[in-house]
Amino acid sequence: MSGYDRALSVFSPDGHVFQVEYALEAVKRGTCAVGVKGRDVVVLGCERRSALKLHDPRTTPSKLCAVDDHITLCFAGLNADARVLVDRARLEAQNHRINLADPASVEYITKHIAGLQQRYTQSGGVRPFGISTLIGGFDPQSDKPNLYHTEPSGIFSSWKANAIGRSSKTVHELLDKLWEEDMDEQKTVELAVKSLLEVVQTGNQNIEVAVLRPNKEMEVLADDYLDEIVRRIEDEKAKEAEEKQSRRRHDD
């Protein structure tokens, strides 16, 4: 199979393009990101790397990127690749406003990002983007929340809740179990934080959460508010553990 893993335009004998699979591996090793859709809100959350002691925290790149006033993107994978893709998406959003005098829909921006990712899987002299994205927001003049997922191969799909990056399978199982129809904003935020705590062991210190509402710009939740939510979730877990232990004692 020598050479198949270095060529973008050559399939391996079993029909794979290995460069795309290597990009997926980069996503799996990236920090975790989640997206949860509520009744009238979209919540995007991501794991934040701990800043080194001598590092200026103001220059730490955020994984929550505003593409337009009504669209936000979070990602898992390579930061450098994400910066290029986000800049292209922002440029397309502004071009849409200038040319059509109307903001772009969330699906339109998603298709544009997915198309860029797919183009880089078939051209010589380039390699696939090593990121997956979760794109959330509200279409102009609409209160319906949207949440999309794109992969390095260029596939995109719509979701009610999803997770990407490190330990995404574990987080996805939790979301699948706890997600409910018509959740209000508080429940949606709590579910996003609870799912991130499955991966992040340091509480709200390494968590970043953004809330998207119709006809409003993205709001990044303050650390104090996140700390309150984390404390509530940890109290619930402790209470459940005590109840299980007492049931075991009773059975014995």
C-alpha atoms as a PDB file:
ATOM      1  CA  MET A   1       0.000   0.000   0.000  1.00  0.00           C
ATOM      2  CA  SER A   2       3.001   2.283  -0.229  1.00  0.00           C
ATOM      3  CA  GLY A   3       2.029   5.660  -1.671  1.00  0.00           C
ATOM      4  CA  TYR A   4      -1.734   5.422  -1.088  1.00  0.00           C
ATOM      5  CA  ASP A   5      -1.491   7.347   2.162  1.00  0.00           C
ATOM      6  CA  ARG A   6       0.290  10.264   0.483  1.00  0.00           C
ATOM      7  CA  ALA A   7      -1.966  10.772  -2.531  1.00  0.00           C
ATOM      8  CA  LEU A   8      -5.266  12.676  -2.409  1.00  0.00           C
ATOM      9  CA  SER A   9      -6.402  11.552  -5.847  1.00  0.00           C
ATOM     10  CA  VAL A  10      -5.637   7.825  -5.469  1.00  0.00           C
ATOM     11  CA  PHE A  11      -7.902   5.386  -3.656  1.00  0.00           C
ATOM     12  CA  SER A  12      -6.403   2.514  -1.714  1.00  0.00           C
ATOM     13  CA  PRO A  13      -7.439  -0.974  -2.941  1.00  0.00           C
ATOM     14  CA  ASP A  14     -10.253  -1.078  -0.357  1.00  0.00           C
ATOM     15  CA  GLY A  15     -11.627   2.301  -1.472  1.00  0.00           C
ATOM     16  CA  HIS A  16     -10.219   4.651   1.165  1.00  0.00           C
ATOM     17  CA  VAL A  17      -8.478   8.005   0.856  1.00  0.00           C
ATOM     18  CA  PHE A  18      -6.080   7.766   3.780  1.00  0.00           C
ATOM     19  CA  GLN A  19      -5.400  11.511   3.983  1.00  0.00           C
ATOM     20  CA  VAL A  20      -9.066  12.064   4.893  1.00  0.00           C
ATOM     21  CA  GLU A  21      -8.843   9.376   7.572  1.00  0.00           C
ATOM     22  CA  TYR A  22      -5.714  11.018   9.000  1.00  0.00           C
ATOM     23  CA  ALA A  23      -7.687  14.274   9.206  1.00  0.00           C
ATOM     24  CA  LEU A  24     -10.413  12.441  11.154  1.00  0.00           C
ATOM     25  CA  GLU A  25      -7.733  11.192  13.561  1.00  0.00           C
ATOM     26  CA  ALA A  26      -6.635  14.804  14.131  1.00  0.00           C
ATOM     27  CA  VAL A  27     -10.253  15.609  15.045  1.00  0.00           C
ATOM     28  CA  LYS A  28     -10.454  12.700  17.499  1.00  0.00           C
ATOM     29  CA  ARG A  29      -7.352  13.978  19.298  1.00  0.00           C
ATOM     30  CA  GLY A  30      -8.655  17.545  19.506  1.00  0.00           C
ATOM     31  CA  THR A  31     -10.430  19.026  22.512  1.00  0.00           C
ATOM     32  CA  CYS A  32     -14.101  18.130  22.912  1.00  0.00           C
ATOM     33  CA  ALA A  33     -16.907  20.374  21.636  1.00  0.00           C
ATOM     34  CA  VAL A  34     -20.675  19.925  22.012  1.00  0.00           C
ATOM     35  CA  GLY A  35     -23.774  21.487  20.533  1.00  0.00           C
ATOM     36  CA  VAL A  36     -27.291  21.202  21.971  1.00  0.00           C
ATOM     37  CA  LYS A  37     -30.503  22.515  20.437  1.00  0.00           C
ATOM     38  CA  GLY A  38     -33.353  23.612  22.735  1.00  0.00           C
ATOM     39  CA  ARG A  39     -36.839  24.943  22.098  1.00  0.00           C
ATOM     40  CA  ASP A  40     -35.705  28.467  21.207  1.00  0.00           C
ATOM     41  CA  VAL A  41     -31.953  28.379  21.857  1.00  0.00           C
ATOM     42  CA  VAL A  42     -28.728  26.768  20.634  1.00  0.00           C
ATOM     43  CA  VAL A  43     -25.903  26.145  23.098  1.00  0.00           C
ATOM     44  CA  LEU A  44     -22.337  25.494  21.925  1.00  0.00           C
ATOM     45  CA  GLY A  45     -19.675  24.462  24.414  1.00  0.00           C
ATOM     46  CA  CYS A  46     -16.050  23.425  24.169  1.00  0.00           C
ATOM     47  CA  GLU A  47     -13.162  22.258  26.276  1.00  0.00           C
ATOM     48  CA  ARG A  48     -10.539  24.942  26.795  1.00  0.00           C
ATOM     49  CA  ARG A  49      -6.853  24.052  27.113  1.00  0.00           C
ATOM     50  CA  SER A  50      -5.178  25.116  30.355  1.00  0.00           C
ATOM     51  CA  ALA A  51      -2.983  28.174  29.860  1.00  0.00           C
ATOM     52  CA  LEU A  52       0.668  27.792  30.783  1.00  0.00           C
ATOM     53  CA  LYS A  53       1.959  29.896  33.671  1.00  0.00           C
ATOM     54  CA  LEU A  54       4.038  32.204  31.437  1.00  0.00           C
ATOM     55  CA  HIS A  55       1.464  32.421  28.644  1.00  0.00           C
ATOM     56  CA  ASP A  56      -0.637  35.571  28.222  1.00  0.00           C
ATOM     57  CA  PRO A  57      -4.263  34.274  28.427  1.00  0.00           C
ATOM     58  CA  ARG A  58      -5.510  37.095  26.181  1.00  0.00           C
ATOM     59  CA  THR A  59      -3.796  35.429  23.209  1.00  0.00           C
ATOM     60  CA  THR A  60      -5.308  31.976  23.853  1.00  0.00           C
ATOM     61  CA  PRO A  61      -7.443  31.174  20.778  1.00  0.00           C
ATOM     62  CA  SER A  62     -11.132  30.538  21.471  1.00  0.00           C
ATOM     63  CA  LYS A  63     -12.846  27.570  19.836  1.00  0.00           C
ATOM     64  CA  LEU A  64     -16.123  29.523  19.732  1.00  0.00           C
ATOM     65  CA  CYS A  65     -16.000  31.642  16.564  1.00  0.00           C
ATOM     66  CA  ALA A  66     -18.697  34.090  15.452  1.00  0.00           C
ATOM     67  CA  VAL A  67     -19.140  33.720  11.684  1.00  0.00           C
ATOM     68  CA  ASP A  68     -21.896  36.363  11.533  1.00  0.00           C
ATOM     69  CA  ASP A  69     -24.175  38.120  14.032  1.00  0.00           C
ATOM     70  CA  HIS A  70     -26.568  35.137  13.976  1.00  0.00           C
ATOM     71  CA  ILE A  71     -24.182  32.214  13.297  1.00  0.00           C
ATOM     72  CA  THR A  72     -21.483  30.727  15.546  1.00  0.00           C
ATOM     73  CA  LEU A  73     -19.065  27.889  14.897  1.00  0.00           C
ATOM     74  CA  CYS A  74     -17.087  25.689  17.271  1.00  0.00           C
ATOM     75  CA  PHE A  75     -14.586  23.056  16.208  1.00  0.00           C
ATOM     76  CA  ALA A  76     -12.384  20.149  17.203  1.00  0.00           C
ATOM     77  CA  GLY A  77      -9.011  19.570  15.573  1.00  0.00           C
ATOM     78  CA  LEU A  78      -6.168  21.766  14.374  1.00  0.00           C
ATOM     79  CA  ASN A  79      -6.386  25.440  15.390  1.00  0.00           C
ATOM     80  CA  ALA A  80      -4.420  26.675  12.372  1.00  0.00           C
ATOM     81  CA  ASP A  81      -6.752  24.891   9.938  1.00  0.00           C
ATOM     82  CA  ALA A  82      -9.793  26.255  11.759  1.00  0.00           C
ATOM     83  CA  ARG A  83      -8.526  29.829  11.510  1.00  0.00           C
ATOM     84  CA  VAL A  84      -8.356  29.582   7.715  1.00  0.00           C
ATOM     85  CA  LEU A  85     -11.785  27.938   7.416  1.00  0.00           C
ATOM     86  CA  VAL A  86     -13.458  30.427   9.771  1.00  0.00           C
ATOM     87  CA  ASP A  87     -11.982  33.395   7.853  1.00  0.00           C
ATOM     88  CA  ARG A  88     -13.334  31.956   4.578  1.00  0.00           C
ATOM     89  CA  ALA A  89     -16.768  31.446   6.161  1.00  0.00           C
ATOM     90  CA  ARG A  90     -16.824  35.029   7.498  1.00  0.00           C
ATOM     91  CA  LEU A  91     -15.880  36.388   4.090  1.00  0.00           C
ATOM     92  CA  GLU A  92     -18.686  34.407   2.429  1.00  0.00           C
ATOM     93  CA  ALA A  93     -21.194  35.649   5.035  1.00  0.00           C
ATOM     94  CA  GLN A  94     -20.206  39.271   4.332  1.00  0.00           C
ATOM     95  CA  ASN A  95     -20.312  38.737   0.557  1.00  0.00           C
ATOM     96  CA  HIS A  96     -23.841  37.352   0.906  1.00  0.00           C
ATOM     97  CA  ARG A  97     -24.915  40.467   2.839  1.00  0.00           C
ATOM     98  CA  ILE A  98     -23.353  42.809   0.271  1.00  0.00           C
ATOM     99  CA  ASN A  99     -24.585  41.025  -2.869  1.00  0.00           C
ATOM    100  CA  LEU A 100     -28.087  40.002  -1.725  1.00  0.00           C
ATOM    101  CA  ALA A 101     -28.711  42.634   1.005  1.00  0.00           C
ATOM    102  CA  ASP A 102     -29.744  39.818   3.338  1.00  0.00           C
ATOM    103  CA  PRO A 103     -27.921  37.702   5.952  1.00  0.00           C
ATOM    104  CA  ALA A 104     -27.006  34.176   4.898  1.00  0.00           C
ATOM    105  CA  SER A 105     -28.930  31.243   6.354  1.00  0.00           C
ATOM    106  CA  VAL A 106     -27.195  28.767   8.675  1.00  0.00           C
ATOM    107  CA  GLU A 107     -27.607  26.006   6.087  1.00  0.00           C
ATOM    108  CA  TYR A 108     -26.040  28.168   3.360  1.00  0.00           C
ATOM    109  CA  ILE A 109     -22.916  28.844   5.464  1.00  0.00           C
ATOM    110  CA  THR A 110     -22.755  25.155   6.434  1.00  0.00           C
ATOM    111  CA  LYS A 111     -22.873  24.103   2.782  1.00  0.00           C
ATOM    112  CA  HIS A 112     -20.135  26.603   1.963  1.00  0.00           C
ATOM    113  CA  ILE A 113     -17.857  25.294   4.739  1.00  0.00           C
ATOM    114  CA  ALA A 114     -18.555  21.659   3.806  1.00  0.00           C
ATOM    115  CA  GLY A 115     -17.862  22.464   0.146  1.00  0.00           C
ATOM    116  CA  LEU A 116     -14.478  23.977   1.049  1.00  0.00           C
ATOM    117  CA  GLN A 117     -13.590  20.931   3.142  1.00  0.00           C
ATOM    118  CA  GLN A 118     -14.573  18.575   0.313  1.00  0.00           C
ATOM    119  CA  ARG A 119     -12.587  20.560  -2.268  1.00  0.00           C
ATOM    120  CA  TYR A 120      -9.437  20.040  -0.211  1.00  0.00           C
ATOM    121  CA  THR A 121      -9.882  16.256  -0.388  1.00  0.00           C
ATOM    122  CA  GLN A 122      -9.458  16.071  -4.173  1.00  0.00           C
ATOM    123  CA  SER A 123      -6.891  18.704  -5.181  1.00  0.00           C
ATOM    124  CA  GLY A 124      -3.156  18.248  -5.618  1.00  0.00           C
ATOM    125  CA  GLY A 125      -0.742  20.288  -3.506  1.00  0.00           C
ATOM    126  CA  VAL A 126      -3.141  20.603  -0.556  1.00  0.00           C
ATOM    127  CA  ARG A 127      -4.353  18.366   2.245  1.00  0.00           C
ATOM    128  CA  PRO A 128      -7.754  17.995   3.957  1.00  0.00           C
ATOM    129  CA  PHE A 129      -8.665  20.346   6.798  1.00  0.00           C
ATOM    130  CA  GLY A 130      -7.986  18.550  10.084  1.00  0.00           C
ATOM    131  CA  ILE A 131     -11.140  19.824  11.796  1.00  0.00           C
ATOM    132  CA  SER A 132     -14.800  18.978  12.304  1.00  0.00           C
ATOM    133  CA  THR A 133     -17.226  21.794  13.052  1.00  0.00           C
ATOM    134  CA  LEU A 134     -20.513  22.355  14.864  1.00  0.00           C
ATOM    135  CA  ILE A 135     -22.410  25.317  13.408  1.00  0.00           C
ATOM    136  CA  GLY A 136     -25.346  26.814  15.291  1.00  0.00           C
ATOM    137  CA  GLY A 137     -27.608  29.793  14.836  1.00  0.00           C
ATOM    138  CA  PHE A 138     -30.930  31.185  13.693  1.00  0.00           C
ATOM    139  CA  ASP A 139     -31.987  32.074  10.174  1.00  0.00           C
ATOM    140  CA  PRO A 140     -33.040  35.704   9.507  1.00  0.00           C
ATOM    141  CA  GLN A 141     -36.604  36.408  10.640  1.00  0.00           C
ATOM    142  CA  SER A 142     -36.906  32.911  12.126  1.00  0.00           C
ATOM    143  CA  ASP A 143     -37.089  31.594  15.691  1.00  0.00           C
ATOM    144  CA  LYS A 144     -36.228  28.041  14.672  1.00  0.00           C
ATOM    145  CA  PRO A 145     -32.839  26.896  16.063  1.00  0.00           C
ATOM    146  CA  ASN A 146     -30.348  25.230  13.707  1.00  0.00           C
ATOM    147  CA  LEU A 147     -27.405  22.958  14.522  1.00  0.00           C
ATOM    148  CA  TYR A 148     -25.180  21.413  11.827  1.00  0.00           C
ATOM    149  CA  HIS A 149     -22.092  19.227  11.840  1.00  0.00           C
ATOM    150  CA  THR A 150     -19.402  19.086   9.110  1.00  0.00           C
ATOM    151  CA  GLU A 151     -16.576  16.554   8.738  1.00  0.00           C
ATOM    152  CA  PRO A 152     -13.146  16.799   7.025  1.00  0.00           C
ATOM    153  CA  SER A 153     -14.534  14.760   4.116  1.00  0.00           C
ATOM    154  CA  GLY A 154     -17.117  17.479   3.349  1.00  0.00           C
ATOM    155  CA  ILE A 155     -20.149  15.637   4.746  1.00  0.00           C
ATOM    156  CA  PHE A 156     -22.630  17.831   6.623  1.00  0.00           C
ATOM    157  CA  SER A 157     -25.766  16.937   8.568  1.00  0.00           C
ATOM    158  CA  SER A 158     -28.341  18.494  10.896  1.00  0.00           C
ATOM    159  CA  TRP A 159     -28.492  17.468  14.566  1.00  0.00           C
ATOM    160  CA  LYS A 160     -30.524  17.993  17.757  1.00  0.00           C
ATOM    161  CA  ALA A 161     -27.391  17.476  19.868  1.00  0.00           C
ATOM    162  CA  ASN A 162     -23.903  16.298  18.939  1.00  0.00           C
ATOM    163  CA  ALA A 163     -20.320  16.055  20.185  1.00  0.00           C
ATOM    164  CA  ILE A 164     -16.969  16.074  18.364  1.00  0.00           C
ATOM    165  CA  GLY A 165     -13.360  15.670  19.409  1.00  0.00           C
ATOM    166  CA  ARG A 166     -11.798  13.748  22.276  1.00  0.00           C
ATOM    167  CA  SER A 167     -14.081  11.140  23.930  1.00  0.00           C
ATOM    168  CA  SER A 168     -16.951  12.305  21.695  1.00  0.00           C
ATOM    169  CA  LYS A 169     -18.494   8.815  21.713  1.00  0.00           C
ATOM    170  CA  THR A 170     -18.930   8.904  25.513  1.00  0.00           C
ATOM    171  CA  VAL A 171     -20.377  12.422  25.392  1.00  0.00           C
ATOM    172  CA  HIS A 172     -22.687  11.503  22.500  1.00  0.00           C
ATOM    173  CA  GLU A 173     -24.095   8.567  24.510  1.00  0.00           C
ATOM    174  CA  LEU A 174     -24.897  10.925  27.394  1.00  0.00           C
ATOM    175  CA  LEU A 175     -26.576  13.422  25.052  1.00  0.00           C
ATOM    176  CA  ASP A 176     -28.579  10.616  23.453  1.00  0.00           C
ATOM    177  CA  LYS A 177     -29.800   9.550  26.885  1.00  0.00           C
ATOM    178  CA  LEU A 178     -30.604  12.973  28.391  1.00  0.00           C
ATOM    179  CA  TRP A 179     -31.738  15.133  25.459  1.00  0.00           C
ATOM    180  CA  GLU A 180     -35.438  16.026  25.497  1.00  0.00           C
ATOM    181  CA  GLU A 181     -37.780  17.762  23.077  1.00  0.00           C
ATOM    182  CA  ASP A 182     -38.642  21.414  23.810  1.00  0.00           C
ATOM    183  CA  MET A 183     -36.005  22.038  26.497  1.00  0.00           C
ATOM    184  CA  ASP A 184     -35.893  25.601  27.841  1.00  0.00           C
ATOM    185  CA  GLU A 185     -32.672  27.644  27.926  1.00  0.00           C
ATOM    186  CA  GLN A 186     -31.633  26.628  31.444  1.00  0.00           C
ATOM    187  CA  LYS A 187     -32.033  22.885  30.772  1.00  0.00           C
ATOM    188  CA  THR A 188     -30.207  23.178  27.443  1.00  0.00           C
ATOM    189  CA  VAL A 189     -27.237  24.970  29.047  1.00  0.00           C
ATOM    190  CA  GLU A 190     -27.136  22.453  31.901  1.00  0.00           C
ATOM    191  CA  LEU A 191     -27.118  19.515  29.470  1.00  0.00           C
ATOM    192  CA  ALA A 192     -24.247  21.047  27.474  1.00  0.00           C
ATOM    193  CA  VAL A 193     -22.213  21.656  30.653  1.00  0.00           C
ATOM    194  CA  LYS A 194     -23.007  18.200  32.046  1.00  0.00           C
ATOM    195  CA  SER A 195     -21.859  16.540  28.815  1.00  0.00           C
ATOM    196  CA  LEU A 196     -18.578  18.500  28.836  1.00  0.00           C
ATOM    197  CA  LEU A 197     -17.946  17.470  32.450  1.00  0.00           C
ATOM    198  CA  GLU A 198     -17.794  13.865  31.215  1.00  0.00           C
ATOM    199  CA  VAL A 199     -14.471  14.818  29.580  1.00  0.00           C
ATOM    200  CA  VAL A 200     -13.256  17.833  31.565  1.00  0.00           C
ATOM    201  CA  GLN A 201     -12.290  17.025  35.152  1.00  0.00           C
ATOM    202  CA  THR A 202     -11.434  20.556  36.333  1.00  0.00           C
ATOM    203  CA  GLY A 203     -14.943  22.019  36.521  1.00  0.00           C
ATOM    204  CA  ASN A 204     -15.718  25.299  34.799  1.00  0.00           C
ATOM    205  CA  GLN A 205     -12.039  26.399  34.623  1.00  0.00           C
ATOM    206  CA  ASN A 206     -11.552  24.654  31.272  1.00  0.00           C
ATOM    207  CA  ILE A 207     -15.045  25.063  29.834  1.00  0.00           C
ATOM    208  CA  GLU A 208     -16.310  27.724  27.442  1.00  0.00           C
ATOM    209  CA  VAL A 209     -20.036  27.948  26.642  1.00  0.00           C
ATOM    210  CA  ALA A 210     -21.928  30.232  24.254  1.00  0.00           C
ATOM    211  CA  VAL A 211     -25.698  30.732  24.022  1.00  0.00           C
ATOM    212  CA  LEU A 212     -27.378  31.694  20.736  1.00  0.00           C
ATOM    213  CA  ARG A 213     -30.842  33.266  20.768  1.00  0.00           C
ATOM    214  CA  PRO A 214     -33.044  34.482  17.890  1.00  0.00           C
ATOM    215  CA  ASN A 215     -32.234  38.006  16.633  1.00  0.00           C
ATOM    216  CA  LYS A 216     -29.421  38.407  19.177  1.00  0.00           C
ATOM    217  CA  GLU A 217     -25.660  38.100  19.067  1.00  0.00           C
ATOM    218  CA  MET A 218     -23.782  35.225  20.688  1.00  0.00           C
ATOM    219  CA  GLU A 219     -23.428  35.452  24.474  1.00  0.00           C
ATOM    220  CA  VAL A 220     -20.445  33.731  26.124  1.00  0.00           C
ATOM    221  CA  LEU A 221     -21.471  32.691  29.627  1.00  0.00           C
ATOM    222  CA  ALA A 222     -19.548  34.206  32.540  1.00  0.00           C
ATOM    223  CA  ASP A 223     -17.344  31.996  34.718  1.00  0.00           C
ATOM    224  CA  ASP A 224     -19.428  32.768  37.834  1.00  0.00           C
ATOM    225  CA  TYR A 225     -22.604  31.506  36.170  1.00  0.00           C
ATOM    226  CA  LEU A 226     -20.833  28.389  34.893  1.00  0.00           C
ATOM    227  CA  ASP A 227     -19.431  27.775  38.364  1.00  0.00           C
ATOM    228  CA  GLU A 228     -22.963  27.828  39.776  1.00  0.00           C
ATOM    229  CA  ILE A 229     -24.173  25.310  37.168  1.00  0.00           C
ATOM    230  CA  VAL A 230     -21.182  23.005  37.747  1.00  0.00           C
ATOM    231  CA  ARG A 231     -21.781  23.098  41.512  1.00  0.00           C
ATOM    232  CA  ARG A 232     -25.453  22.184  41.005  1.00  0.00           C
ATOM    233  CA  ILE A 233     -24.560  19.268  38.692  1.00  0.00           C
ATOM    234  CA  GLU A 234     -21.929  17.965  41.113  1.00  0.00           C
ATOM    235  CA  ASP A 235     -24.431  18.141  44.009  1.00  0.00           C
ATOM    236  CA  GLU A 236     -26.936  16.130  41.955  1.00  0.00           C
ATOM    237  CA  LYS A 237     -24.282  13.501  41.171  1.00  0.00           C
ATOM    238  CA  ALA A 238     -23.312  13.250  44.842  1.00  0.00           C
ATOM    239  CA  LYS A 239     -26.975  12.868  45.835  1.00  0.00           C
ATOM    240  CA  GLU A 240     -27.500  10.110  43.251  1.00  0.00           C
ATOM    241  CA  ALA A 241     -24.366   8.290  44.459  1.00  0.00           C
ATOM    242  CA  GLU A 242     -25.640   8.436  48.078  1.00  0.00           C
ATOM    243  CA  GLU A 243     -29.038   7.062  47.055  1.00  0.00           C
ATOM    244  CA  LYS A 244     -27.409   4.171  45.172  1.00  0.00           C
ATOM    245  CA  GLN A 245     -25.203   3.381  48.150  1.00  0.00           C
ATOM    246  CA  SER A 246     -28.143   3.433  50.567  1.00  0.00           C
ATOM    247  CA  ARG A 247     -30.126   1.115  48.255  1.00  0.00           C
ATOM    248  CA  ARG A 248     -27.209  -1.319  48.189  1.00  0.00           C
ATOM    249  CA  ARG A 249     -27.031  -1.310  51.975  1.00  0.00           C
ATOM    250  CA  HIS A 250     -30.766  -1.895  52.182  1.00  0.00           C
ATOM    251  CA  ASP A 251     -30.531  -4.838  49.722  1.00  0.00           C
ATOM    252  CA  ASP A 252     -27.642  -6.361  51.702  1.00  0.00           C
END
